[in-house]
Amino acid sequence: MATSGLKAEVERKRLLQRVCEEALRMAKPSEEEKRRTLRFSRGLTENLSEKLKSAGIEAEVEVQGSIAKDTWLAGEKDIDIFILLPKKYGREGFLKALEVAKNLAREGWREAYAEHPYIEAKIEGYTVDFVPCFRVKEASEAASSVDRTPLHTLY
């Protein structure tokens, strides 16, 4: 009796292991999907950086969120692009940076609001959020939770 119970328990664990492995395989992006998404994200950040510089806006452009943390799900096409501005620009700088992002997105964007205004754009099948924030070195310098996001990605 004890032997058959042990065998059944071992079999249940094997089955659970197979189910978990299959779920992980389905949830994780393939290497090709990763390459495509990272190449697109990199090109977008470089392009936006150049356009901001041409517009005379001092900013750093970074991918944040699940793409930056390598935690996105297969088939998910959401990219968070953060535009990190010096505080000297004030919130007016957010609007100027978003104008540049709107031009990059062309017509496929909509404006949205959280703690900061941002735009959501549809570009080449991806949903891209362009989110301006202030560049801060420590969380205590943040004017809002959005400003802390790049710090979260670092840790």
C-alpha atoms as a PDB file:
ATOM      1  CA  MET A   1       0.000   0.000   0.000  1.00  0.00           C
ATOM      2  CA  ALA A   2       2.752   2.444   0.943  1.00  0.00           C
ATOM      3  CA  THR A   3       4.640   1.652  -2.250  1.00  0.00           C
ATOM      4  CA  SER A   4       1.642   2.324  -4.524  1.00  0.00           C
ATOM      5  CA  GLY A   5       0.910   5.569  -2.660  1.00  0.00           C
ATOM      6  CA  LEU A   6       4.527   6.655  -3.095  1.00  0.00           C
ATOM      7  CA  LYS A   7       4.439   5.782  -6.814  1.00  0.00           C
ATOM      8  CA  ALA A   8       1.225   7.780  -7.253  1.00  0.00           C
ATOM      9  CA  GLU A   9       2.763  10.767  -5.465  1.00  0.00           C
ATOM     10  CA  VAL A  10       5.886  10.599  -7.651  1.00  0.00           C
ATOM     11  CA  GLU A  11       3.704  10.413 -10.774  1.00  0.00           C
ATOM     12  CA  ARG A  12       1.622  13.433  -9.650  1.00  0.00           C
ATOM     13  CA  LYS A  13       4.824  15.423  -9.105  1.00  0.00           C
ATOM     14  CA  ARG A  14       6.116  14.453 -12.557  1.00  0.00           C
ATOM     15  CA  LEU A  15       2.829  15.487 -14.133  1.00  0.00           C
ATOM     16  CA  LEU A  16       2.852  18.790 -12.256  1.00  0.00           C
ATOM     17  CA  GLN A  17       6.450  19.370 -13.373  1.00  0.00           C
ATOM     18  CA  ARG A  18       5.486  18.747 -17.026  1.00  0.00           C
ATOM     19  CA  VAL A  19       2.497  21.101 -16.759  1.00  0.00           C
ATOM     20  CA  CYS A  20       4.687  23.825 -15.228  1.00  0.00           C
ATOM     21  CA  GLU A  21       7.373  23.374 -17.905  1.00  0.00           C
ATOM     22  CA  GLU A  22       4.756  23.604 -20.671  1.00  0.00           C
ATOM     23  CA  ALA A  23       3.194  26.713 -19.117  1.00  0.00           C
ATOM     24  CA  LEU A  24       6.618  28.335 -18.893  1.00  0.00           C
ATOM     25  CA  ARG A  25       7.390  27.410 -22.512  1.00  0.00           C
ATOM     26  CA  MET A  26       4.125  29.020 -23.616  1.00  0.00           C
ATOM     27  CA  ALA A  27       4.613  32.147 -21.482  1.00  0.00           C
ATOM     28  CA  LYS A  28       8.233  32.916 -22.355  1.00  0.00           C
ATOM     29  CA  PRO A  29       8.914  34.761 -25.615  1.00  0.00           C
ATOM     30  CA  SER A  30      10.924  32.783 -28.149  1.00  0.00           C
ATOM     31  CA  GLU A  31      14.480  33.859 -28.897  1.00  0.00           C
ATOM     32  CA  GLU A  32      13.268  35.244 -32.246  1.00  0.00           C
ATOM     33  CA  GLU A  33      10.496  37.257 -30.571  1.00  0.00           C
ATOM     34  CA  LYS A  34      13.031  38.612 -28.066  1.00  0.00           C
ATOM     35  CA  ARG A  35      15.463  39.589 -30.839  1.00  0.00           C
ATOM     36  CA  ARG A  36      12.724  41.311 -32.859  1.00  0.00           C
ATOM     37  CA  THR A  37      11.297  43.189 -29.873  1.00  0.00           C
ATOM     38  CA  LEU A  38      14.673  44.282 -28.517  1.00  0.00           C
ATOM     39  CA  ARG A  39      15.850  45.417 -31.967  1.00  0.00           C
ATOM     40  CA  PHE A  40      12.638  47.417 -32.458  1.00  0.00           C
ATOM     41  CA  SER A  41      12.888  48.934 -28.955  1.00  0.00           C
ATOM     42  CA  ARG A  42      16.540  49.866 -29.442  1.00  0.00           C
ATOM     43  CA  GLY A  43      15.830  51.478 -32.818  1.00  0.00           C
ATOM     44  CA  LEU A  44      12.919  53.416 -31.371  1.00  0.00           C
ATOM     45  CA  THR A  45      14.920  54.744 -28.411  1.00  0.00           C
ATOM     46  CA  GLU A  46      17.821  55.750 -30.663  1.00  0.00           C
ATOM     47  CA  ASN A  47      15.482  57.483 -33.115  1.00  0.00           C
ATOM     48  CA  LEU A  48      13.659  59.349 -30.333  1.00  0.00           C
ATOM     49  CA  SER A  49      16.966  60.355 -28.716  1.00  0.00           C
ATOM     50  CA  GLU A  50      18.145  61.866 -31.991  1.00  0.00           C
ATOM     51  CA  LYS A  51      14.873  63.731 -32.541  1.00  0.00           C
ATOM     52  CA  LEU A  52      14.888  65.129 -28.985  1.00  0.00           C
ATOM     53  CA  LYS A  53      18.472  66.291 -29.432  1.00  0.00           C
ATOM     54  CA  SER A  54      17.566  67.936 -32.758  1.00  0.00           C
ATOM     55  CA  ALA A  55      14.706  69.715 -30.970  1.00  0.00           C
ATOM     56  CA  GLY A  56      17.171  71.047 -28.393  1.00  0.00           C
ATOM     57  CA  ILE A  57      15.788  68.884 -25.589  1.00  0.00           C
ATOM     58  CA  GLU A  58      18.333  67.369 -23.230  1.00  0.00           C
ATOM     59  CA  ALA A  59      16.994  63.917 -22.359  1.00  0.00           C
ATOM     60  CA  GLU A  60      17.867  60.286 -21.933  1.00  0.00           C
ATOM     61  CA  VAL A  61      15.577  57.718 -23.506  1.00  0.00           C
ATOM     62  CA  GLU A  62      15.299  54.282 -21.919  1.00  0.00           C
ATOM     63  CA  VAL A  63      13.181  51.176 -22.218  1.00  0.00           C
ATOM     64  CA  GLN A  64      11.508  50.393 -18.892  1.00  0.00           C
ATOM     65  CA  GLY A  65       8.852  47.976 -17.661  1.00  0.00           C
ATOM     66  CA  SER A  66       8.644  44.295 -18.513  1.00  0.00           C
ATOM     67  CA  ILE A  67      10.896  44.593 -21.579  1.00  0.00           C
ATOM     68  CA  ALA A  68      13.717  46.138 -19.533  1.00  0.00           C
ATOM     69  CA  LYS A  69      13.255  43.547 -16.792  1.00  0.00           C
ATOM     70  CA  ASP A  70      12.918  40.643 -19.261  1.00  0.00           C
ATOM     71  CA  THR A  71       9.640  39.614 -17.674  1.00  0.00           C
ATOM     72  CA  TRP A  72       7.255  40.131 -20.584  1.00  0.00           C
ATOM     73  CA  LEU A  73       4.960  37.389 -21.819  1.00  0.00           C
ATOM     74  CA  ALA A  74       5.060  35.757 -25.238  1.00  0.00           C
ATOM     75  CA  GLY A  75       2.930  37.631 -27.747  1.00  0.00           C
ATOM     76  CA  GLU A  76       2.729  40.727 -25.556  1.00  0.00           C
ATOM     77  CA  LYS A  77       3.642  43.725 -27.652  1.00  0.00           C
ATOM     78  CA  ASP A  78       3.737  46.488 -25.021  1.00  0.00           C
ATOM     79  CA  ILE A  79       6.858  48.639 -24.756  1.00  0.00           C
ATOM     80  CA  ASP A  80       7.432  51.382 -22.188  1.00  0.00           C
ATOM     81  CA  ILE A  81       9.773  54.118 -23.413  1.00  0.00           C
ATOM     82  CA  PHE A  82      10.720  56.606 -20.715  1.00  0.00           C
ATOM     83  CA  ILE A  83      12.004  60.078 -21.547  1.00  0.00           C
ATOM     84  CA  LEU A  84      14.166  61.179 -18.620  1.00  0.00           C
ATOM     85  CA  LEU A  85      14.442  64.954 -18.384  1.00  0.00           C
ATOM     86  CA  PRO A  86      16.410  67.179 -16.035  1.00  0.00           C
ATOM     87  CA  LYS A  87      14.185  68.833 -13.432  1.00  0.00           C
ATOM     88  CA  LYS A  88      15.160  72.245 -14.819  1.00  0.00           C
ATOM     89  CA  TYR A  89      12.639  71.668 -17.625  1.00  0.00           C
ATOM     90  CA  GLY A  90       9.707  71.453 -15.228  1.00  0.00           C
ATOM     91  CA  ARG A  91       6.483  69.828 -16.333  1.00  0.00           C
ATOM     92  CA  GLU A  92       6.477  72.013 -19.449  1.00  0.00           C
ATOM     93  CA  GLY A  93       9.385  69.864 -20.613  1.00  0.00           C
ATOM     94  CA  PHE A  94       7.116  66.818 -20.563  1.00  0.00           C
ATOM     95  CA  LEU A  95       4.815  68.434 -23.105  1.00  0.00           C
ATOM     96  CA  LYS A  96       7.709  69.399 -25.385  1.00  0.00           C
ATOM     97  CA  ALA A  97       9.180  65.900 -25.227  1.00  0.00           C
ATOM     98  CA  LEU A  98       5.782  64.367 -25.951  1.00  0.00           C
ATOM     99  CA  GLU A  99       5.402  66.569 -29.038  1.00  0.00           C
ATOM    100  CA  VAL A 100       8.589  65.003 -30.379  1.00  0.00           C
ATOM    101  CA  ALA A 101       7.266  61.517 -29.530  1.00  0.00           C
ATOM    102  CA  LYS A 102       3.964  62.324 -31.263  1.00  0.00           C
ATOM    103  CA  ASN A 103       5.835  63.252 -34.431  1.00  0.00           C
ATOM    104  CA  LEU A 104       7.749  59.986 -34.239  1.00  0.00           C
ATOM    105  CA  ALA A 105       4.513  58.007 -33.776  1.00  0.00           C
ATOM    106  CA  ARG A 106       2.878  59.962 -36.620  1.00  0.00           C
ATOM    107  CA  GLU A 107      -0.904  59.507 -36.445  1.00  0.00           C
ATOM    108  CA  GLY A 108      -1.173  56.315 -34.402  1.00  0.00           C
ATOM    109  CA  TRP A 109      -1.149  57.809 -30.910  1.00  0.00           C
ATOM    110  CA  ARG A 110      -3.488  58.949 -28.155  1.00  0.00           C
ATOM    111  CA  GLU A 111      -2.773  61.091 -25.132  1.00  0.00           C
ATOM    112  CA  ALA A 112      -3.370  59.649 -21.671  1.00  0.00           C
ATOM    113  CA  TYR A 113      -2.766  60.745 -18.108  1.00  0.00           C
ATOM    114  CA  ALA A 114      -1.463  59.133 -14.955  1.00  0.00           C
ATOM    115  CA  GLU A 115       0.640  61.296 -12.664  1.00  0.00           C
ATOM    116  CA  HIS A 116       2.244  62.695 -15.809  1.00  0.00           C
ATOM    117  CA  PRO A 117       0.806  63.040 -19.286  1.00  0.00           C
ATOM    118  CA  TYR A 118       2.035  60.337 -21.657  1.00  0.00           C
ATOM    119  CA  ILE A 119       1.120  59.021 -25.075  1.00  0.00           C
ATOM    120  CA  GLU A 120       0.225  55.537 -26.176  1.00  0.00           C
ATOM    121  CA  ALA A 121       1.158  54.827 -29.777  1.00  0.00           C
ATOM    122  CA  LYS A 122       0.621  51.950 -32.179  1.00  0.00           C
ATOM    123  CA  ILE A 123       3.821  51.493 -34.167  1.00  0.00           C
ATOM    124  CA  GLU A 124       4.546  48.480 -36.381  1.00  0.00           C
ATOM    125  CA  GLY A 125       2.213  46.239 -34.390  1.00  0.00           C
ATOM    126  CA  TYR A 126       3.579  47.288 -30.994  1.00  0.00           C
ATOM    127  CA  THR A 127       1.792  49.339 -28.349  1.00  0.00           C
ATOM    128  CA  VAL A 128       4.342  51.876 -27.149  1.00  0.00           C
ATOM    129  CA  ASP A 129       3.886  54.122 -24.136  1.00  0.00           C
ATOM    130  CA  PHE A 130       6.070  57.238 -24.263  1.00  0.00           C
ATOM    131  CA  VAL A 131       6.364  58.391 -20.666  1.00  0.00           C
ATOM    132  CA  PRO A 132       8.225  61.552 -19.671  1.00  0.00           C
ATOM    133  CA  CYS A 133       9.675  61.773 -16.189  1.00  0.00           C
ATOM    134  CA  PHE A 134      12.360  63.596 -14.264  1.00  0.00           C
ATOM    135  CA  ARG A 135      15.828  62.073 -14.044  1.00  0.00           C
ATOM    136  CA  VAL A 136      16.490  61.395 -10.345  1.00  0.00           C
ATOM    137  CA  LYS A 137      19.398  59.704  -8.604  1.00  0.00           C
ATOM    138  CA  GLU A 138      17.489  58.765  -5.455  1.00  0.00           C
ATOM    139  CA  ALA A 139      13.845  57.969  -4.789  1.00  0.00           C
ATOM    140  CA  SER A 140      13.649  60.862  -2.327  1.00  0.00           C
ATOM    141  CA  GLU A 141      14.200  63.285  -5.251  1.00  0.00           C
ATOM    142  CA  ALA A 142      11.180  61.968  -7.178  1.00  0.00           C
ATOM    143  CA  ALA A 143       8.291  64.328  -7.792  1.00  0.00           C
ATOM    144  CA  SER A 144       6.025  61.333  -8.517  1.00  0.00           C
ATOM    145  CA  SER A 145       6.038  57.551  -8.627  1.00  0.00           C
ATOM    146  CA  VAL A 146       6.714  57.724 -12.366  1.00  0.00           C
ATOM    147  CA  ASP A 147      10.088  59.339 -11.632  1.00  0.00           C
ATOM    148  CA  ARG A 148      11.033  56.311  -9.512  1.00  0.00           C
ATOM    149  CA  THR A 149      10.378  53.760 -12.262  1.00  0.00           C
ATOM    150  CA  PRO A 150      13.908  53.856 -13.741  1.00  0.00           C
ATOM    151  CA  LEU A 151      15.291  53.287 -10.233  1.00  0.00           C
ATOM    152  CA  HIS A 152      13.081  50.202  -9.846  1.00  0.00           C
ATOM    153  CA  THR A 153      14.510  48.771 -13.055  1.00  0.00           C
ATOM    154  CA  LEU A 154      18.037  49.174 -11.702  1.00  0.00           C
ATOM    155  CA  TYR A 155      17.257  47.154  -8.599  1.00  0.00           C
END
